[in-house]
N, C-alpha and C. Protein backbone atom coordinates (compact mmCIF):
# COMPACT_ATOMS: atom_id res chain seq x y z
N UNK A 1 -16.34 -2.05 -10.34
CA UNK A 1 -18.16 -1.98 -10.09
C UNK A 1 -18.70 -0.46 -10.70
N UNK A 2 -20.23 -1.39 -10.71
CA UNK A 2 -20.86 -0.60 -11.02
C UNK A 2 -21.76 0.21 -9.77
N UNK A 3 -22.37 1.21 -9.72
CA UNK A 3 -22.88 1.38 -8.75
C UNK A 3 -24.44 0.92 -8.54
N UNK A 4 -24.85 0.49 -7.31
CA UNK A 4 -25.69 -0.02 -7.10
C UNK A 4 -27.17 1.19 -6.55
N UNK A 5 -27.03 1.52 -6.46
CA UNK A 5 -28.55 2.89 -5.72
C UNK A 5 -29.74 2.27 -5.77
N UNK A 6 -29.81 0.89 -5.58
CA UNK A 6 -30.82 0.61 -5.62
C UNK A 6 -31.24 -0.36 -4.41
N UNK A 7 -30.46 -0.39 -3.28
CA UNK A 7 -29.84 -0.71 -2.05
C UNK A 7 -29.77 -0.31 -1.12
N UNK A 8 -30.98 -0.36 -0.26
CA UNK A 8 -31.68 0.30 1.06
C UNK A 8 -31.10 -0.41 2.09
N UNK A 9 -30.36 1.16 2.68
CA UNK A 9 -29.95 0.95 3.95
C UNK A 9 -30.11 1.97 4.86
N UNK A 10 -31.54 1.40 5.00
CA UNK A 10 -31.85 2.74 5.86
C UNK A 10 -32.47 1.84 7.45
N UNK A 11 -31.88 0.02 7.08
CA UNK A 11 -31.80 -0.20 8.61
C UNK A 11 -31.01 -0.99 8.76
N UNK A 12 -29.50 -0.78 8.39
CA UNK A 12 -28.85 -1.39 8.38
C UNK A 12 -28.22 -0.74 9.62
N UNK A 13 -27.40 -1.71 10.61
CA UNK A 13 -26.30 -1.35 11.96
C UNK A 13 -24.95 -0.88 11.57
N UNK A 14 -24.72 0.40 12.00
CA UNK A 14 -23.23 0.82 11.03
C UNK A 14 -22.58 0.95 12.71
N UNK A 15 -21.30 0.96 12.42
CA UNK A 15 -20.15 0.71 13.50
C UNK A 15 -18.78 1.20 12.88
N UNK A 16 -18.65 2.37 14.08
CA UNK A 16 -17.19 3.14 13.49
C UNK A 16 -15.90 1.93 13.65
N UNK A 17 -14.62 2.59 12.77
CA UNK A 17 -14.03 1.91 13.12
C UNK A 17 -13.54 2.41 14.38
N UNK A 18 -12.29 1.24 14.79
CA UNK A 18 -11.68 1.74 16.93
C UNK A 18 -10.39 2.60 16.15
N UNK A 19 -10.04 2.47 14.88
CA UNK A 19 -9.35 4.32 14.21
C UNK A 19 -9.82 5.12 14.46
N UNK A 20 -11.25 5.68 14.76
CA UNK A 20 -11.60 7.09 13.89
C UNK A 20 -11.35 6.93 15.63
N UNK A 21 -10.99 8.66 15.14
CA UNK A 21 -11.26 9.24 17.05
C UNK A 21 -12.25 10.51 16.75
N UNK A 22 -11.86 10.69 18.64
CA UNK A 22 -12.87 12.12 19.12
C UNK A 22 -12.70 13.45 18.32
N UNK A 23 -11.91 13.55 17.23
CA UNK A 23 -11.90 14.86 16.68
C UNK A 23 -12.70 15.11 15.86
N UNK A 24 -13.50 14.56 14.74
CA UNK A 24 -13.42 14.81 14.32
C UNK A 24 -12.67 13.91 12.61
N UNK A 25 -11.96 13.54 12.98
CA UNK A 25 -11.21 13.35 11.50
C UNK A 25 -11.01 11.47 11.56
N UNK A 26 -11.10 11.09 10.56
CA UNK A 26 -10.33 9.87 9.63
C UNK A 26 -11.75 9.01 10.90
N UNK A 27 -12.98 9.46 9.91
CA UNK A 27 -14.25 8.52 10.57
C UNK A 27 -15.04 7.22 9.61
N UNK A 28 -14.57 6.43 9.46
CA UNK A 28 -15.19 5.18 9.37
C UNK A 28 -16.41 4.80 9.88
N UNK A 29 -17.44 3.99 8.97
CA UNK A 29 -18.21 3.58 9.27
C UNK A 29 -18.52 2.67 8.12
N UNK A 30 -18.64 1.05 9.14
CA UNK A 30 -19.06 -0.17 7.72
C UNK A 30 -20.73 -0.60 8.77
N UNK A 31 -21.12 -1.66 7.85
CA UNK A 31 -22.23 -2.18 8.52
C UNK A 31 -22.22 -3.51 7.24
N UNK A 32 -21.70 -4.53 8.52
CA UNK A 32 -21.81 -6.03 7.87
C UNK A 32 -23.33 -7.10 8.04
N UNK A 33 -24.04 -6.01 8.01
CA UNK A 33 -25.74 -6.63 8.50
C UNK A 33 -26.44 -6.99 6.96
N UNK A 34 -25.61 -6.62 5.53
CA UNK A 34 -26.36 -7.55 3.71
C UNK A 34 -25.85 -8.28 3.94
N UNK A 35 -26.27 -9.12 2.70
CA UNK A 35 -25.50 -10.51 2.26
C UNK A 35 -24.98 -10.42 1.25
N UNK A 36 -24.21 -10.94 1.33
CA UNK A 36 -23.07 -10.22 0.23
C UNK A 36 -22.50 -8.79 -0.15
N UNK A 37 -22.59 -7.94 0.69
CA UNK A 37 -22.26 -6.37 0.37
C UNK A 37 -22.17 -5.97 1.99
N UNK A 38 -20.67 -5.37 1.38
CA UNK A 38 -20.52 -4.49 2.83
C UNK A 38 -20.39 -3.07 2.61
N UNK A 39 -21.45 -1.55 3.13
CA UNK A 39 -21.92 -0.63 2.82
C UNK A 39 -20.47 0.25 4.01
N UNK A 40 -19.91 1.01 3.26
CA UNK A 40 -19.16 2.02 4.43
C UNK A 40 -19.19 3.38 3.34
N UNK A 41 -19.40 4.43 4.79
CA UNK A 41 -19.23 5.33 4.39
C UNK A 41 -18.86 6.33 5.21
N UNK A 42 -19.19 7.99 5.34
CA UNK A 42 -18.29 8.84 6.75
C UNK A 42 -19.41 8.92 7.61
N UNK A 43 -18.39 9.22 8.74
CA UNK A 43 -19.39 8.57 10.11
C UNK A 43 -19.77 10.25 10.15
N UNK A 44 -18.74 11.01 9.48
CA UNK A 44 -19.26 12.89 9.32
C UNK A 44 -20.36 13.14 8.92
N UNK A 45 -20.65 12.09 8.04
CA UNK A 45 -21.84 13.01 7.14
C UNK A 45 -22.35 11.46 7.14
N UNK A 46 -23.52 11.18 7.55
CA UNK A 46 -24.56 9.76 8.12
C UNK A 46 -25.65 9.72 7.17
N UNK A 47 -25.97 11.35 6.29
CA UNK A 47 -27.33 11.22 5.74
C UNK A 47 -26.33 11.10 3.97
N UNK A 48 -25.58 10.98 3.87
CA UNK A 48 -24.51 11.61 2.32
C UNK A 48 -24.87 9.98 2.29
N UNK A 49 -23.51 10.35 0.93
CA UNK A 49 -23.53 8.77 -0.48
C UNK A 49 -22.87 7.38 1.05
N UNK A 50 -23.14 6.43 0.83
CA UNK A 50 -21.94 4.94 1.13
C UNK A 50 -21.94 3.87 -0.20
N UNK A 51 -20.49 3.60 0.19
CA UNK A 51 -19.99 2.77 -0.97
C UNK A 51 -20.21 1.38 -1.00
N UNK A 52 -20.72 1.26 -1.51
CA UNK A 52 -21.02 -0.16 -1.51
C UNK A 52 -20.07 -1.51 -1.83
N UNK A 53 -19.53 -2.41 -1.13
CA UNK A 53 -18.33 -3.15 -1.87
C UNK A 53 -18.79 -4.75 -1.71
N UNK A 54 -18.63 -5.27 -2.49
CA UNK A 54 -19.24 -7.06 -2.19
C UNK A 54 -18.10 -7.46 -1.41
N UNK A 55 -18.82 -8.42 -0.27
CA UNK A 55 -17.96 -8.97 1.21
C UNK A 55 -16.69 -9.22 0.15
N UNK A 56 -16.30 -9.77 -0.51
CA UNK A 56 -15.07 -10.84 -1.03
C UNK A 56 -13.73 -9.50 -1.01
N UNK A 57 -14.99 -8.52 -1.92
CA UNK A 57 -13.81 -7.49 -2.42
C UNK A 57 -12.59 -6.34 -1.08
N UNK A 58 -14.16 -6.58 -0.25
CA UNK A 58 -14.38 -5.35 1.42
C UNK A 58 -12.80 -6.83 1.84
N UNK A 59 -12.97 -8.02 2.32
CA UNK A 59 -12.51 -9.44 3.07
C UNK A 59 -11.15 -8.49 2.31
N UNK A 60 -10.76 -9.17 1.39
CA UNK A 60 -9.58 -8.83 0.45
C UNK A 60 -8.43 -8.15 0.78
N UNK A 61 -9.02 -5.83 0.98
CA UNK A 61 -8.88 -4.83 0.67
C UNK A 61 -8.42 -5.30 2.84
N UNK A 62 -9.60 -5.40 3.37
CA UNK A 62 -9.20 -5.71 4.59
C UNK A 62 -7.56 -6.54 5.11
N UNK A 63 -7.18 -7.33 4.68
CA UNK A 63 -6.40 -8.27 5.17
C UNK A 63 -5.00 -7.69 4.39
N UNK A 64 -5.25 -7.00 3.04
CA UNK A 64 -4.20 -6.51 3.04
C UNK A 64 -3.78 -5.04 3.88
N UNK A 65 -4.66 -4.47 4.85
CA UNK A 65 -3.85 -3.62 5.47
C UNK A 65 -3.55 -4.03 6.57
C-alpha cells in the first residue's frame, strides 16, 4: 500500500475503540467519514500520523478479528 499524504483529515470525526481503556493503553481511533478510505490513529497521539486504509481492506481486517 502506498502512503497518501494528501488526504485532509482535519475535519473527520474520530471515534475511540470500545476496547480502549482509560489508563492510556490500547487506544485506537477510527474515522468513517471519508469516501473509500478509513483513517486509523493512536488516540494517545492525535497530532501524530494516521494510517489510511481502503474501506474494503479495513472491513476485511475487522471481520477477521
